[in-house]
């Protein structure tokens, strides 16, 4: 019974995550007099490659700073 309840909580989490994602996709911001989408491409909303690299432990390159 405990496993069923935990699975139910996981399903509820997925539902809430989907609702949050839907709200984020529909979010807009003012640009002049017009409302424009916050995320104009799917890649800006969900970066699969970056998440995969994090899971696989791929090191990110350290940015080199230019001395000014």
PDB file of N, CA and C in Angstrom:
ATOM      1  N   UNK A   1       0.821  -1.189   0.000  1.00  0.00           N
ATOM      2  CA  UNK A   1       0.000   0.000   0.000  1.00  0.00           C
ATOM      3  C   UNK A   1       0.873   1.264   0.000  1.00  0.00           C
ATOM      4  N   UNK A   2       1.989   1.203   0.698  1.00  0.00           N
ATOM      5  CA  UNK A   2       2.885   2.353   0.757  1.00  0.00           C
ATOM      6  C   UNK A   2       3.442   2.666  -0.622  1.00  0.00           C
ATOM      7  N   UNK A   3       3.817   1.624  -1.359  1.00  0.00           N
ATOM      8  CA  UNK A   3       4.364   1.833  -2.699  1.00  0.00           C
ATOM      9  C   UNK A   3       3.320   2.481  -3.611  1.00  0.00           C
ATOM     10  N   UNK A   4       2.074   2.070  -3.490  1.00  0.00           N
ATOM     11  CA  UNK A   4       0.996   2.657  -4.285  1.00  0.00           C
ATOM     12  C   UNK A   4       0.840   4.142  -3.964  1.00  0.00           C
ATOM     13  N   UNK A   5       0.889   4.474  -2.688  1.00  0.00           N
ATOM     14  CA  UNK A   5       0.755   5.875  -2.288  1.00  0.00           C
ATOM     15  C   UNK A   5       1.926   6.712  -2.793  1.00  0.00           C
ATOM     16  N   UNK A   6       3.123   6.166  -2.725  1.00  0.00           N
ATOM     17  CA  UNK A   6       4.293   6.890  -3.235  1.00  0.00           C
ATOM     18  C   UNK A   6       4.194   7.084  -4.746  1.00  0.00           C
ATOM     19  N   UNK A   7       3.722   6.063  -5.458  1.00  0.00           N
ATOM     20  CA  UNK A   7       3.534   6.176  -6.895  1.00  0.00           C
ATOM     21  C   UNK A   7       2.495   7.249  -7.213  1.00  0.00           C
ATOM     22  N   UNK A   8       1.443   7.317  -6.416  1.00  0.00           N
ATOM     23  CA  UNK A   8       0.409   8.325  -6.600  1.00  0.00           C
ATOM     24  C   UNK A   8       0.981   9.733  -6.415  1.00  0.00           C
ATOM     25  N   UNK A   9       1.861   9.892  -5.444  1.00  0.00           N
ATOM     26  CA  UNK A   9       2.513  11.192  -5.235  1.00  0.00           C
ATOM     27  C   UNK A   9       3.371  11.557  -6.440  1.00  0.00           C
ATOM     28  N   UNK A  10       4.078  10.592  -7.003  1.00  0.00           N
ATOM     29  CA  UNK A  10       4.887  10.842  -8.200  1.00  0.00           C
ATOM     30  C   UNK A  10       4.009  11.282  -9.369  1.00  0.00           C
ATOM     31  N   UNK A  11       2.853  10.646  -9.531  1.00  0.00           N
ATOM     32  CA  UNK A  11       1.932  11.021 -10.608  1.00  0.00           C
ATOM     33  C   UNK A  11       1.396  12.436 -10.396  1.00  0.00           C
ATOM     34  N   UNK A  12       1.084  12.776  -9.146  1.00  0.00           N
ATOM     35  CA  UNK A  12       0.623  14.133  -8.838  1.00  0.00           C
ATOM     36  C   UNK A  12       1.717  15.158  -9.149  1.00  0.00           C
ATOM     37  N   UNK A  13       2.953  14.798  -8.853  1.00  0.00           N
ATOM     38  CA  UNK A  13       4.073  15.694  -9.150  1.00  0.00           C
ATOM     39  C   UNK A  13       4.167  15.941 -10.660  1.00  0.00           C
ATOM     40  N   UNK A  14       4.012  14.894 -11.459  1.00  0.00           N
ATOM     41  CA  UNK A  14       4.053  15.046 -12.912  1.00  0.00           C
ATOM     42  C   UNK A  14       2.938  15.954 -13.403  1.00  0.00           C
ATOM     43  N   UNK A  15       1.743  15.815 -12.842  1.00  0.00           N
ATOM     44  CA  UNK A  15       0.614  16.656 -13.232  1.00  0.00           C
ATOM     45  C   UNK A  15       0.912  18.122 -12.909  1.00  0.00           C
ATOM     46  N   UNK A  16       1.434  18.365 -11.732  1.00  0.00           N
ATOM     47  CA  UNK A  16       1.738  19.737 -11.330  1.00  0.00           C
ATOM     48  C   UNK A  16       2.892  20.312 -12.154  1.00  0.00           C
ATOM     49  N   UNK A  17       3.872  19.492 -12.475  1.00  0.00           N
ATOM     50  CA  UNK A  17       4.979  19.945 -13.312  1.00  0.00           C
ATOM     51  C   UNK A  17       4.476  20.315 -14.706  1.00  0.00           C
ATOM     52  N   UNK A  18       3.557  19.534 -15.246  1.00  0.00           N
ATOM     53  CA  UNK A  18       2.976  19.831 -16.554  1.00  0.00           C
ATOM     54  C   UNK A  18       2.198  21.145 -16.515  1.00  0.00           C
ATOM     55  N   UNK A  19       1.432  21.350 -15.442  1.00  0.00           N
ATOM     56  CA  UNK A  19       0.680  22.599 -15.304  1.00  0.00           C
ATOM     57  C   UNK A  19       1.630  23.792 -15.224  1.00  0.00           C
ATOM     58  N   UNK A  20       2.722  23.631 -14.492  1.00  0.00           N
ATOM     59  CA  UNK A  20       3.705  24.711 -14.378  1.00  0.00           C
ATOM     60  C   UNK A  20       4.352  24.987 -15.736  1.00  0.00           C
ATOM     61  N   UNK A  21       4.699  23.936 -16.463  1.00  0.00           N
ATOM     62  CA  UNK A  21       5.305  24.099 -17.783  1.00  0.00           C
ATOM     63  C   UNK A  21       4.341  24.800 -18.738  1.00  0.00           C
ATOM     64  N   UNK A  22       3.064  24.442 -18.693  1.00  0.00           N
ATOM     65  CA  UNK A  22       2.070  25.102 -19.546  1.00  0.00           C
ATOM     66  C   UNK A  22       2.003  26.591 -19.247  1.00  0.00           C
ATOM     67  N   UNK A  23       2.053  26.945 -17.983  1.00  0.00           N
ATOM     68  CA  UNK A  23       2.008  28.357 -17.604  1.00  0.00           C
ATOM     69  C   UNK A  23       3.254  29.078 -18.101  1.00  0.00           C
ATOM     70  N   UNK A  24       4.411  28.439 -18.002  1.00  0.00           N
ATOM     71  CA  UNK A  24       5.660  29.057 -18.442  1.00  0.00           C
ATOM     72  C   UNK A  24       5.668  29.283 -19.958  1.00  0.00           C
ATOM     73  N   UNK A  25       5.145  28.340 -20.693  1.00  0.00           N
ATOM     74  CA  UNK A  25       5.110  28.460 -22.149  1.00  0.00           C
ATOM     75  C   UNK A  25       4.197  29.601 -22.574  1.00  0.00           C
ATOM     76  N   UNK A  26       3.132  29.825 -21.826  1.00  0.00           N
ATOM     77  CA  UNK A  26       2.182  30.877 -22.175  1.00  0.00           C
ATOM     78  C   UNK A  26       2.590  32.243 -21.622  1.00  0.00           C
ATOM     79  N   UNK A  27       3.664  32.309 -20.856  1.00  0.00           N
ATOM     80  CA  UNK A  27       4.097  33.568 -20.247  1.00  0.00           C
ATOM     81  C   UNK A  27       4.503  34.573 -21.327  1.00  0.00           C
ATOM     82  N   UNK A  28       4.172  35.841 -21.079  1.00  0.00           N
ATOM     83  CA  UNK A  28       4.527  36.899 -22.015  1.00  0.00           C
ATOM     84  C   UNK A  28       5.191  38.036 -21.257  1.00  0.00           C
ATOM     85  N   UNK A  29       5.848  38.896 -22.013  1.00  0.00           N
ATOM     86  CA  UNK A  29       6.442  40.097 -21.441  1.00  0.00           C
ATOM     87  C   UNK A  29       6.153  41.255 -22.386  1.00  0.00           C
ATOM     88  N   UNK A  30       6.194  42.441 -21.855  1.00  0.00           N
ATOM     89  CA  UNK A  30       5.922  43.637 -22.660  1.00  0.00           C
ATOM     90  C   UNK A  30       7.167  44.013 -23.454  1.00  0.00           C
ATOM     91  N   UNK A  31       6.982  44.269 -24.712  1.00  0.00           N
ATOM     92  CA  UNK A  31       8.039  44.807 -25.553  1.00  0.00           C
ATOM     93  C   UNK A  31       7.380  45.964 -26.304  1.00  0.00           C
ATOM     94  N   UNK A  32       7.617  47.166 -25.788  1.00  0.00           N
ATOM     95  CA  UNK A  32       6.911  48.313 -26.332  1.00  0.00           C
ATOM     96  C   UNK A  32       5.453  48.222 -25.944  1.00  0.00           C
ATOM     97  N   UNK A  33       4.591  48.285 -26.916  1.00  0.00           N
ATOM     98  CA  UNK A  33       3.149  48.184 -26.650  1.00  0.00           C
ATOM     99  C   UNK A  33       2.627  46.761 -26.829  1.00  0.00           C
ATOM    100  N   UNK A  34       3.484  45.856 -27.278  1.00  0.00           N
ATOM    101  CA  UNK A  34       3.049  44.491 -27.581  1.00  0.00           C
ATOM    102  C   UNK A  34       3.487  43.510 -26.507  1.00  0.00           C
ATOM    103  N   UNK A  35       2.738  42.460 -26.364  1.00  0.00           N
ATOM    104  CA  UNK A  35       3.135  41.334 -25.523  1.00  0.00           C
ATOM    105  C   UNK A  35       3.819  40.311 -26.417  1.00  0.00           C
ATOM    106  N   UNK A  36       4.989  39.847 -26.009  1.00  0.00           N
ATOM    107  CA  UNK A  36       5.720  38.831 -26.763  1.00  0.00           C
ATOM    108  C   UNK A  36       6.003  37.651 -25.828  1.00  0.00           C
ATOM    109  N   UNK A  37       6.138  36.451 -26.382  1.00  0.00           N
ATOM    110  CA  UNK A  37       6.418  35.280 -25.542  1.00  0.00           C
ATOM    111  C   UNK A  37       7.775  35.407 -24.856  1.00  0.00           C
ATOM    112  N   UNK A  38       7.862  34.935 -23.624  1.00  0.00           N
ATOM    113  CA  UNK A  38       9.133  34.917 -22.904  1.00  0.00           C
ATOM    114  C   UNK A  38      10.075  33.932 -23.585  1.00  0.00           C
ATOM    115  N   UNK A  39       9.546  32.779 -23.977  1.00  0.00           N
ATOM    116  CA  UNK A  39      10.332  31.757 -24.665  1.00  0.00           C
ATOM    117  C   UNK A  39       9.899  31.741 -26.121  1.00  0.00           C
ATOM    118  N   UNK A  40      10.756  32.235 -27.007  1.00  0.00           N
ATOM    119  CA  UNK A  40      10.365  32.272 -28.416  1.00  0.00           C
ATOM    120  C   UNK A  40      10.742  30.995 -29.163  1.00  0.00           C
ATOM    121  N   UNK A  41      11.539  30.127 -28.529  1.00  0.00           N
ATOM    122  CA  UNK A  41      11.848  28.824 -29.121  1.00  0.00           C
ATOM    123  C   UNK A  41      11.763  27.761 -28.032  1.00  0.00           C
ATOM    124  N   UNK A  42      11.528  26.536 -28.451  1.00  0.00           N
ATOM    125  CA  UNK A  42      11.459  25.438 -27.492  1.00  0.00           C
ATOM    126  C   UNK A  42      12.810  25.220 -26.827  1.00  0.00           C
ATOM    127  N   UNK A  43      13.879  25.433 -27.572  1.00  0.00           N
ATOM    128  CA  UNK A  43      15.229  25.255 -27.034  1.00  0.00           C
ATOM    129  C   UNK A  43      15.530  26.176 -25.866  1.00  0.00           C
ATOM    130  N   UNK A  44      14.947  27.354 -25.859  1.00  0.00           N
ATOM    131  CA  UNK A  44      15.143  28.269 -24.739  1.00  0.00           C
ATOM    132  C   UNK A  44      14.330  27.838 -23.523  1.00  0.00           C
ATOM    133  N   UNK A  45      13.258  27.112 -23.753  1.00  0.00           N
ATOM    134  CA  UNK A  45      12.409  26.639 -22.665  1.00  0.00           C
ATOM    135  C   UNK A  45      12.957  25.352 -22.050  1.00  0.00           C
ATOM    136  N   UNK A  46      13.469  24.451 -22.889  1.00  0.00           N
ATOM    137  CA  UNK A  46      13.933  23.153 -22.419  1.00  0.00           C
ATOM    138  C   UNK A  46      15.226  22.795 -23.130  1.00  0.00           C
ATOM    139  N   UNK A  47      16.329  22.812 -22.396  1.00  0.00           N
ATOM    140  CA  UNK A  47      17.637  22.516 -22.965  1.00  0.00           C
ATOM    141  C   UNK A  47      18.011  21.071 -22.632  1.00  0.00           C
ATOM    142  N   UNK A  48      17.606  20.160 -23.508  1.00  0.00           N
ATOM    143  CA  UNK A  48      17.819  18.729 -23.275  1.00  0.00           C
ATOM    144  C   UNK A  48      19.298  18.381 -23.218  1.00  0.00           C
ATOM    145  N   UNK A  49      20.084  18.966 -24.098  1.00  0.00           N
ATOM    146  CA  UNK A  49      21.510  18.648 -24.157  1.00  0.00           C
ATOM    147  C   UNK A  49      22.199  18.994 -22.829  1.00  0.00           C
ATOM    148  N   UNK A  50      21.877  20.153 -22.280  1.00  0.00           N
ATOM    149  CA  UNK A  50      22.489  20.564 -21.022  1.00  0.00           C
ATOM    150  C   UNK A  50      22.100  19.610 -19.888  1.00  0.00           C
ATOM    151  N   UNK A  51      20.846  19.196 -19.855  1.00  0.00           N
ATOM    152  CA  UNK A  51      20.409  18.250 -18.824  1.00  0.00           C
ATOM    153  C   UNK A  51      21.097  16.902 -18.982  1.00  0.00           C
ATOM    154  N   UNK A  52      21.237  16.425 -20.222  1.00  0.00           N
ATOM    155  CA  UNK A  52      21.911  15.152 -20.466  1.00  0.00           C
ATOM    156  C   UNK A  52      23.363  15.220 -20.022  1.00  0.00           C
ATOM    157  N   UNK A  53      24.030  16.330 -20.326  1.00  0.00           N
ATOM    158  CA  UNK A  53      25.425  16.487 -19.924  1.00  0.00           C
ATOM    159  C   UNK A  53      25.565  16.504 -18.409  1.00  0.00           C
ATOM    160  N   UNK A  54      24.607  17.108 -17.732  1.00  0.00           N
ATOM    161  CA  UNK A  54      24.633  17.131 -16.270  1.00  0.00           C
ATOM    162  C   UNK A  54      24.488  15.720 -15.714  1.00  0.00           C
ATOM    163  N   UNK A  55      23.548  14.953 -16.270  1.00  0.00           N
ATOM    164  CA  UNK A  55      23.316  13.587 -15.804  1.00  0.00           C
ATOM    165  C   UNK A  55      24.518  12.698 -16.087  1.00  0.00           C
ATOM    166  N   UNK A  56      25.126  12.867 -17.257  1.00  0.00           N
ATOM    167  CA  UNK A  56      26.258  12.030 -17.645  1.00  0.00           C
ATOM    168  C   UNK A  56      27.578  12.490 -17.033  1.00  0.00           C
ATOM    169  N   UNK A  57      27.566  13.635 -16.371  1.00  0.00           N
ATOM    170  CA  UNK A  57      28.771  14.119 -15.706  1.00  0.00           C
ATOM    171  C   UNK A  57      29.778  14.761 -16.635  1.00  0.00           C
ATOM    172  N   UNK A  58      29.317  15.239 -17.773  1.00  0.00           N
ATOM    173  CA  UNK A  58      30.213  15.912 -18.707  1.00  0.00           C
ATOM    174  C   UNK A  58      30.584  17.262 -18.105  1.00  0.00           C
ATOM    175  N   UNK A  59      31.879  17.542 -18.060  1.00  0.00           N
ATOM    176  CA  UNK A  59      32.322  18.810 -17.479  1.00  0.00           C
ATOM    177  C   UNK A  59      32.060  19.944 -18.452  1.00  0.00           C
ATOM    178  N   UNK A  60      31.617  21.049 -17.869  1.00  0.00           N
ATOM    179  CA  UNK A  60      31.425  22.237 -18.685  1.00  0.00           C
ATOM    180  C   UNK A  60      32.760  22.945 -18.810  1.00  0.00           C
ATOM    181  N   UNK A  61      32.972  23.547 -19.975  1.00  0.00           N
ATOM    182  CA  UNK A  61      34.206  24.295 -20.154  1.00  0.00           C
ATOM    183  C   UNK A  61      34.155  25.553 -19.306  1.00  0.00           C
ATOM    184  N   UNK A  62      35.284  25.848 -18.681  1.00  0.00           N
ATOM    185  CA  UNK A  62      35.360  27.056 -17.870  1.00  0.00           C
ATOM    186  C   UNK A  62      35.629  28.224 -18.813  1.00  0.00           C
ATOM    187  N   UNK A  63      34.768  29.251 -18.763  1.00  0.00           N
ATOM    188  CA  UNK A  63      34.978  30.381 -19.670  1.00  0.00           C
ATOM    189  C   UNK A  63      36.285  31.104 -19.367  1.00  0.00           C
ATOM    190  N   UNK A  64      36.976  31.472 -20.427  1.00  0.00           N
ATOM    191  CA  UNK A  64      38.222  32.208 -20.276  1.00  0.00           C
ATOM    192  C   UNK A  64      37.887  33.703 -20.261  1.00  0.00           C
ATOM    193  N   UNK A  65      38.367  34.372 -19.240  1.00  0.00           N
ATOM    194  CA  UNK A  65      38.110  35.796 -19.120  1.00  0.00           C
ATOM    195  C   UNK A  65      39.214  36.570 -19.818  1.00  0.00           C
ATOM    196  N   UNK A  66      38.803  37.561 -20.538  1.00  0.00           N
ATOM    197  CA  UNK A  66      39.756  38.415 -21.241  1.00  0.00           C
ATOM    198  C   UNK A  66      40.160  39.530 -20.288  1.00  0.00           C
ATOM    199  N   UNK A  67      41.460  39.700 -20.125  1.00  0.00           N
ATOM    200  CA  UNK A  67      41.934  40.783 -19.273  1.00  0.00           C
ATOM    201  C   UNK A  67      41.724  42.094 -19.975  1.00  0.00           C
ATOM    202  N   UNK A  68      41.044  43.023 -19.296  1.00  0.00           N
ATOM    203  CA  UNK A  68      40.811  44.317 -19.932  1.00  0.00           C
ATOM    204  C   UNK A  68      41.587  45.403 -19.256  1.00  0.00           C
TER     205      UNK A  68
END
